[in-house]
Structures are given as C-alpha cells and as structure tokens.
Amino acid sequence: MTAPKTAMVLAAGLGTRMRPLTNDRPKALVEVGGRALIDHVLDRLVAVGVETAVVNVHWFADRLEQHLSKRGDIRIIISNEREALLETGGGLKKAKPLLGDDPVFVANIDSVWIDRGDALGDLVRLWNPQTMDAALLLARREGSIGFEGHGDFSRDEAGQLAFRGDRPSVPFAYMGVHITRPTYADNGPDGAFSLSPLWRASAQNGRLFGTVMDGDWMHVGDPQARNEAEAKLAAQD
C-alpha cells in the first residue's frame, strides 16, 4: 500500500490542560526539546512521504499560520475554525474538500515518540481500504508518558480492534495518528463532534484495525508531561 500523500493535522484545540503554557500561544506551538509540537508531527509525516498537510486552526490562529508559513518542505493548507471549534470529527468533515479523494493520515499534535521501528510505515502496510474504515497507530500503556488511563483497545492477531468496554483494562492506547478516507466523517452531525462514535461503529462492524508501535510514546497534554517528554528526549541525545 502506498503511503498517503496528504495529512489532516488537528491543531485547533484550546490547550486548556496545557495552561499556563498556552496563555500566549496555541498548544501546537508549545515546544518540546526545542521544537514546536506541530513540527515534531510534521517532521514525521514528511519523513514518510506526505507532501500536503491540511491544518485546522482556532486558538491563536494567526500565530500558528505565521509559524507554518516558514515550512518549506511540505505544502500547508489552512482549515479555518476561527468561528467555532469542531472537534476531531467535525474538523475532518469541514476539511474534506481540502483533502482530495485518496486516503489520508489524520494526526494529533500532542504526540511525540521515539521510534525503534517504523511506526508510520507499519501503519501504511496495515491499511486496507477494502476491509477497513480506519487504521490506528497504538502504543502500549506501560512506559508511556502522559497517559494515565486504563487503555483504549485490545487487538487480535489480525489487528482488528475492540474497545475496552466493561473490561477493567486493555493493553493499548491510541497514540494520535491514523489513516482513513477523507469522507469518513461526512455522515456525522453538523457542528462539533468526535470521531470516537464513528470508531465504535466501525469496531462493531469489524472494520477498525490497528498496529502497535515499537518505541516510546509521549502524550504531551499538560506541563508535567511536557517536562517529562523533554527529559526523555534529552536522555536520547
């Protein structure tokens, strides 16, 4: 399977849990290891062959657009959510006319990882549009930074995912990158909505799959996680 050439980068959030670091900037511009969160993600996408990133903006939108204009290695298209935040599903639905017709990466901006394998390459190799609605990149809960829950998914040998449901815990967490069709959220409601209900429907239909990365995942959602991620990255140098 050929890697998607286009990505949707979800960067419009208020970054409430990251305050006070987001009092004067969007969460996407909070730095970890001397690099803005959104640049960590864009670097990963460029490395796997992505040529265009559609980035949604809201909080400190002008500042984020100015920052992105300096990237010369990837085409940036802005999906403007200045008037209203649309969450993950609504953001994808609004951006659909900008994404083209082929499958796309969809990426959060608060995931940083140390890759001991080929995480995005493994995701591309897993993706099969005939049998899947979405293919998710997962991380093991143990050893992750900034994730304190009981897990999101279990996974069978074929990679098919099941939500935790009533189980006390499951091994894997969604780590912020997936592949899907640009039309995946088209049937969602108007306005803001999450992708999670769509994933649940896909899982019930046997069409939600995932691969587990070999590496260290850092969910940089608050200042403490940001500091822990900085220390982790510094220890790798």
Protein backbone atom coordinates (compact mmCIF):
# COMPACT_ATOMS: atom_id res chain seq x y z
CA MET A 1 0.00 0.00 0.00
CA THR A 2 1.32 3.44 -0.97
CA ALA A 3 1.62 5.92 1.86
CA PRO A 4 -0.90 8.78 1.83
CA LYS A 5 0.47 11.99 0.37
CA THR A 6 -1.91 14.19 2.36
CA ALA A 7 -2.48 14.53 6.09
CA MET A 8 -5.08 16.23 8.28
CA VAL A 9 -3.33 17.75 11.31
CA LEU A 10 -5.66 18.54 14.21
CA ALA A 11 -4.26 21.73 15.74
CA ALA A 12 -7.32 23.82 16.61
CA GLY A 13 -7.76 22.91 20.28
CA LEU A 14 -7.65 25.40 23.14
CA GLY A 15 -4.95 23.51 25.01
CA THR A 16 -6.72 24.10 28.33
CA ARG A 17 -4.82 21.37 30.18
CA MET A 18 -1.53 22.82 28.93
CA ARG A 19 -2.03 26.21 30.60
CA PRO A 20 -0.19 28.41 31.50
CA LEU A 21 1.97 27.40 28.52
CA THR A 22 -0.96 28.11 26.17
CA ASN A 23 -1.84 31.52 27.59
CA ASP A 24 0.02 33.20 24.73
CA ARG A 25 0.16 30.53 22.03
CA PRO A 26 -1.70 27.55 20.61
CA LYS A 27 -0.85 24.15 22.03
CA ALA A 28 0.69 23.30 18.66
CA LEU A 29 3.45 25.83 19.32
CA VAL A 30 4.40 24.60 22.78
CA GLU A 31 8.00 23.42 22.47
CA VAL A 32 9.39 20.06 23.48
CA GLY A 33 13.10 19.54 23.07
CA GLY A 34 13.45 22.93 21.38
CA ARG A 35 10.87 22.15 18.68
CA ALA A 36 7.18 23.03 18.46
CA LEU A 37 4.77 20.12 18.90
CA ILE A 38 3.33 20.60 15.43
CA ASP A 39 6.82 20.44 13.91
CA HIS A 40 7.50 17.11 15.61
CA VAL A 41 4.39 15.75 13.88
CA LEU A 42 5.06 17.38 10.51
CA ASP A 43 8.64 16.06 10.55
CA ARG A 44 7.30 12.52 10.98
CA LEU A 45 4.79 12.97 8.18
CA VAL A 46 7.35 14.44 5.78
CA ALA A 47 9.68 11.52 6.51
CA VAL A 48 7.04 9.03 5.36
CA GLY A 49 6.32 10.93 2.13
CA VAL A 50 3.48 13.30 2.99
CA GLU A 51 3.50 16.30 0.66
CA THR A 52 0.47 18.30 1.87
CA ALA A 53 -0.84 18.95 5.38
CA VAL A 54 -4.27 20.43 5.98
CA VAL A 55 -4.07 22.07 9.42
CA ASN A 56 -7.13 23.29 11.31
CA VAL A 57 -6.66 26.45 13.36
CA HIS A 58 -8.62 28.30 16.06
CA TRP A 59 -6.72 29.38 19.23
CA PHE A 60 -4.05 31.99 18.32
CA ALA A 61 -4.73 31.04 14.71
CA ASP A 62 -2.74 33.91 13.18
CA ARG A 63 0.36 33.00 15.16
CA LEU A 64 0.11 29.35 14.12
CA GLU A 65 -0.37 30.27 10.46
CA GLN A 66 2.67 32.54 10.60
CA HIS A 67 4.76 29.73 12.08
CA LEU A 68 3.60 27.23 9.48
CA SER A 69 4.40 29.61 6.62
CA LYS A 70 8.10 29.07 7.37
CA ARG A 71 7.98 25.36 6.48
CA GLY A 72 9.45 24.82 3.05
CA ASP A 73 9.36 21.02 2.99
CA ILE A 74 5.58 20.50 2.99
CA ARG A 75 2.61 22.32 1.47
CA ILE A 76 0.37 23.75 4.18
CA ILE A 77 -3.37 24.36 3.66
CA ILE A 78 -5.34 26.01 6.46
CA SER A 79 -8.78 24.80 7.51
CA ASN A 80 -10.18 27.82 9.31
CA GLU A 81 -12.09 27.10 12.53
CA ARG A 82 -11.74 30.59 13.99
CA GLU A 83 -15.52 30.94 14.38
CA ALA A 84 -16.11 27.66 16.18
CA LEU A 85 -14.16 24.60 17.31
CA LEU A 86 -15.41 21.46 15.59
CA GLU A 87 -13.57 18.67 17.48
CA THR A 88 -11.98 15.74 15.67
CA GLY A 89 -14.95 14.57 13.61
CA GLY A 90 -16.28 18.00 12.77
CA GLY A 91 -12.79 19.16 11.87
CA LEU A 92 -12.30 16.27 9.44
CA LYS A 93 -15.75 16.83 7.92
CA LYS A 94 -15.10 20.55 7.36
CA ALA A 95 -11.67 19.91 5.86
CA LYS A 96 -12.86 17.20 3.45
CA PRO A 97 -12.96 19.49 0.36
CA LEU A 98 -9.30 20.35 1.02
CA LEU A 99 -8.10 16.76 1.44
CA GLY A 100 -8.69 15.27 -2.00
CA ASP A 101 -10.10 11.83 -2.71
CA ASP A 102 -7.35 9.47 -1.57
CA PRO A 103 -6.80 8.08 1.96
CA VAL A 104 -5.15 10.48 4.41
CA PHE A 105 -3.23 10.45 7.64
CA VAL A 106 -5.08 12.15 10.50
CA ALA A 107 -2.70 13.29 13.23
CA ASN A 108 -2.98 14.95 16.63
CA ILE A 109 -0.29 17.48 17.56
CA ASP A 110 0.31 16.32 21.13
CA SER A 111 2.09 13.04 20.39
CA VAL A 112 5.87 12.78 20.36
CA TRP A 113 7.60 9.45 20.10
CA ILE A 114 10.97 7.75 19.97
CA ASP A 115 10.72 5.20 17.17
CA ARG A 116 12.68 1.97 17.45
CA GLY A 117 10.96 0.53 14.42
CA ASP A 118 8.97 2.05 11.55
CA ALA A 119 5.71 3.14 13.16
CA LEU A 120 4.13 5.07 10.31
CA GLY A 121 5.44 2.60 7.75
CA ASP A 122 3.81 -0.23 9.70
CA LEU A 123 0.55 1.72 9.72
CA VAL A 124 0.71 2.19 5.95
CA ARG A 125 1.36 -1.52 5.44
CA LEU A 126 -1.60 -2.42 7.64
CA TRP A 127 -4.09 -0.12 5.92
CA ASN A 128 -6.50 -1.85 3.56
CA PRO A 129 -9.39 0.33 2.35
CA GLN A 130 -11.36 -2.72 1.22
CA THR A 131 -11.60 -4.17 4.73
CA MET A 132 -11.05 -1.14 7.00
CA ASP A 133 -12.70 2.16 7.80
CA ALA A 134 -9.67 3.32 9.79
CA ALA A 135 -6.24 2.01 10.79
CA LEU A 136 -4.93 3.37 14.09
CA LEU A 137 -1.42 3.64 15.47
CA LEU A 138 -1.33 2.30 19.03
CA ALA A 139 1.11 2.35 21.93
CA ARG A 140 1.48 0.06 24.90
CA ARG A 141 0.25 1.69 28.10
CA GLU A 142 3.28 0.62 30.08
CA GLY A 143 6.17 3.01 29.67
CA SER A 144 4.13 5.76 28.03
CA ILE A 145 4.41 9.32 29.29
CA GLY A 146 1.31 11.43 29.85
CA PHE A 147 -1.26 8.63 29.57
CA GLU A 148 -2.82 7.55 32.83
CA GLY A 149 -5.93 5.70 31.69
CA HIS A 150 -6.75 2.01 31.57
CA GLY A 151 -6.24 1.69 27.83
CA ASP A 152 -8.45 2.18 24.80
CA PHE A 153 -8.30 -1.06 22.80
CA SER A 154 -7.49 -4.71 22.66
CA ARG A 155 -6.24 -6.17 19.39
CA ASP A 156 -6.46 -9.63 17.84
CA GLU A 157 -3.78 -11.33 15.74
CA ALA A 158 -5.13 -9.81 12.53
CA GLY A 159 -5.00 -6.32 14.01
CA GLN A 160 -8.75 -5.94 14.49
CA LEU A 161 -9.58 -3.66 17.43
CA ALA A 162 -12.15 -3.84 20.19
CA PHE A 163 -12.91 -1.02 22.63
CA ARG A 164 -12.27 -1.62 26.33
CA GLY A 165 -15.95 -1.54 27.20
CA ASP A 166 -16.60 -3.01 30.66
CA ARG A 167 -13.18 -4.60 30.98
CA PRO A 168 -11.02 -3.12 33.76
CA SER A 169 -8.11 -2.53 31.39
CA VAL A 170 -6.79 -3.26 27.93
CA PRO A 171 -3.17 -3.17 26.72
CA PHE A 172 -3.17 -0.42 24.10
CA ALA A 173 -3.81 3.32 23.81
CA TYR A 174 -4.49 5.29 20.64
CA MET A 175 -1.39 7.40 20.18
CA GLY A 176 -2.65 10.08 17.87
CA VAL A 177 -2.19 9.03 14.22
CA HIS A 178 -4.49 7.06 11.93
CA ILE A 179 -5.30 6.50 8.28
CA THR A 180 -8.81 6.84 6.92
CA ARG A 181 -10.78 8.14 3.96
CA PRO A 182 -11.46 11.89 3.73
CA THR A 183 -15.18 11.04 3.58
CA TYR A 184 -15.18 9.06 6.84
CA ALA A 185 -16.86 11.81 8.90
CA ASP A 186 -19.27 13.01 6.20
CA ASN A 187 -22.31 11.41 7.83
CA GLY A 188 -21.60 12.95 11.21
CA PRO A 189 -23.82 15.72 12.60
CA ASP A 190 -23.44 19.37 11.79
CA GLY A 191 -21.09 21.30 14.03
CA ALA A 192 -18.70 19.82 16.58
CA PHE A 193 -18.45 16.07 17.12
CA SER A 194 -15.84 13.46 17.99
CA LEU A 195 -14.54 10.66 15.82
CA SER A 196 -14.97 8.23 18.72
CA PRO A 197 -18.60 7.26 17.99
CA LEU A 198 -17.66 6.58 14.37
CA TRP A 199 -14.78 4.37 15.51
CA ARG A 200 -17.14 2.48 17.81
CA ALA A 201 -19.50 1.79 14.92
CA SER A 202 -16.58 0.67 12.73
CA ALA A 203 -15.29 -1.61 15.50
CA GLN A 204 -18.73 -3.24 15.84
CA ASN A 205 -18.66 -3.88 12.09
CA GLY A 206 -15.17 -5.39 12.23
CA ARG A 207 -13.64 -2.52 10.26
CA LEU A 208 -11.39 -0.83 12.85
CA PHE A 209 -7.79 -2.03 12.89
CA GLY A 210 -4.53 -1.02 14.50
CA THR A 211 -0.81 -1.64 14.71
CA VAL A 212 1.38 -1.26 17.80
CA MET A 213 4.45 0.94 17.57
CA ASP A 214 7.85 -0.23 18.76
CA GLY A 215 9.11 2.72 20.73
CA ASP A 216 8.36 5.23 23.48
CA TRP A 217 5.21 7.30 23.23
CA MET A 218 4.83 10.66 24.93
CA HIS A 219 1.35 12.19 25.15
CA VAL A 220 2.22 15.84 25.73
CA GLY A 221 -1.08 17.02 27.15
CA ASP A 222 -0.06 19.14 30.15
CA PRO A 223 3.03 20.92 31.52
CA GLN A 224 4.14 17.94 33.59
CA ALA A 225 4.01 15.61 30.59
CA ARG A 226 5.85 18.21 28.55
CA ASN A 227 8.65 18.33 31.14
CA GLU A 228 8.83 14.51 31.29
CA ALA A 229 8.95 14.33 27.50
CA GLU A 230 11.77 16.88 27.38
CA ALA A 231 13.76 14.81 29.86
CA LYS A 232 13.10 11.63 27.86
CA LEU A 233 14.25 13.20 24.61
CA ALA A 234 17.33 14.71 26.27
CA ALA A 235 18.30 11.29 27.58
CA GLN A 236 18.36 10.00 23.99
CA ASP A 237 20.90 12.61 22.83
